[in-house]
Amino acid sequence: MKASSLQPEYLDIKTLAVYSSLSPRTLRKILSQPGGPAFYRLPGPGKIIVKRVDFDNWFSQFKHKATDFDALIVDTLKELGGAQ
């Protein structure tokens, strides 16, 4: 197996930003709030790392089905009088 095909178990903020498509600033804000994913602060310069599976589990709580979104649009249009 090539080293490039391995996915790291722990991600630093910069790598997590690429992985999640969120900015490092947004990730730091998420990690500082209660209810965010678990993370580790390493001694020394205070580097933060997140276990990929912990992030994935936390992130999955925000999953919505497309039908939920479609229903939201229809309901909104009905309220605005644009659809019957």
Protein backbone atom coordinates (compact mmCIF):
# COMPACT_ATOMS: atom_id res chain seq x y z
CA MET A 1 0.00 0.00 0.00
CA LYS A 2 1.36 3.42 -0.92
CA ALA A 3 1.86 5.94 1.87
CA SER A 4 -0.09 8.52 -0.16
CA SER A 5 -3.20 6.29 -0.07
CA LEU A 6 -3.24 6.19 3.75
CA GLN A 7 -5.61 8.52 5.53
CA PRO A 8 -4.31 9.85 8.83
CA GLU A 9 -6.30 9.01 11.95
CA TYR A 10 -5.59 12.42 13.52
CA LEU A 11 -5.82 15.73 11.64
CA ASP A 12 -4.38 19.11 12.53
CA ILE A 13 -6.46 22.22 11.89
CA LYS A 14 -4.94 22.88 8.45
CA THR A 15 -5.52 19.30 7.26
CA LEU A 16 -8.98 19.20 8.82
CA ALA A 17 -9.85 22.40 6.94
CA VAL A 18 -9.03 20.72 3.63
CA TYR A 19 -10.81 17.51 4.66
CA SER A 20 -13.99 19.29 5.79
CA SER A 21 -14.05 22.23 3.34
CA LEU A 22 -14.31 24.56 6.35
CA SER A 23 -11.87 27.35 7.06
CA PRO A 24 -9.34 27.02 9.90
CA ARG A 25 -11.02 30.02 11.54
CA THR A 26 -14.43 28.34 11.42
CA LEU A 27 -12.97 25.12 12.80
CA ARG A 28 -11.33 26.93 15.71
CA LYS A 29 -14.68 28.58 16.49
CA ILE A 30 -16.49 25.22 16.34
CA LEU A 31 -13.90 23.58 18.59
CA SER A 32 -14.16 26.37 21.16
CA GLN A 33 -17.92 25.93 21.59
CA PRO A 34 -19.69 23.33 23.73
CA GLY A 35 -21.06 20.46 21.66
CA GLY A 36 -18.25 20.57 19.11
CA PRO A 37 -16.15 17.54 18.23
CA ALA A 38 -13.61 16.24 20.73
CA PHE A 39 -10.05 17.44 20.16
CA TYR A 40 -6.60 17.18 21.65
CA ARG A 41 -4.35 20.10 22.55
CA LEU A 42 -0.74 18.97 22.46
CA PRO A 43 1.77 20.37 24.98
CA GLY A 44 4.19 23.02 23.89
CA PRO A 45 2.90 25.36 21.22
CA GLY A 46 -0.66 24.13 21.83
CA LYS A 47 -1.15 22.41 18.50
CA ILE A 48 -4.71 21.11 18.14
CA ILE A 49 -5.48 17.78 16.52
CA VAL A 50 -8.83 16.06 15.95
CA LYS A 51 -9.45 12.37 15.50
CA ARG A 52 -11.01 12.00 12.05
CA VAL A 53 -13.70 9.56 13.24
CA ASP A 54 -14.70 11.93 16.08
CA PHE A 55 -15.08 14.78 13.57
CA ASP A 56 -17.07 12.57 11.17
CA ASN A 57 -19.42 11.46 13.96
CA TRP A 58 -19.98 15.04 15.11
CA PHE A 59 -20.44 16.28 11.53
CA SER A 60 -23.01 13.58 10.69
CA GLN A 61 -25.54 15.14 13.07
CA PHE A 62 -26.05 17.93 10.53
CA LYS A 63 -27.04 15.64 7.66
CA HIS A 64 -30.34 16.46 5.96
CA LYS A 65 -32.12 14.53 3.28
CA ALA A 66 -32.79 16.25 -0.03
CA THR A 67 -36.51 15.66 0.41
CA ASP A 68 -36.40 17.71 3.62
CA PHE A 69 -34.93 20.61 1.66
CA ASP A 70 -37.44 20.22 -1.15
CA ALA A 71 -40.31 20.24 1.36
CA LEU A 72 -38.89 23.35 2.98
CA ILE A 73 -38.87 25.17 -0.37
CA VAL A 74 -42.45 24.11 -1.16
CA ASP A 75 -43.66 25.17 2.29
CA THR A 76 -41.88 28.51 2.02
CA LEU A 77 -43.36 29.17 -1.42
CA LYS A 78 -46.83 28.30 -0.12
CA GLU A 79 -46.41 30.75 2.75
CA LEU A 80 -45.33 33.42 0.28
CA GLY A 81 -48.30 32.65 -1.97
CA GLY A 82 -46.09 31.56 -4.87
CA ALA A 83 -47.17 27.91 -5.06
CA GLN A 84 -50.38 26.00 -4.53
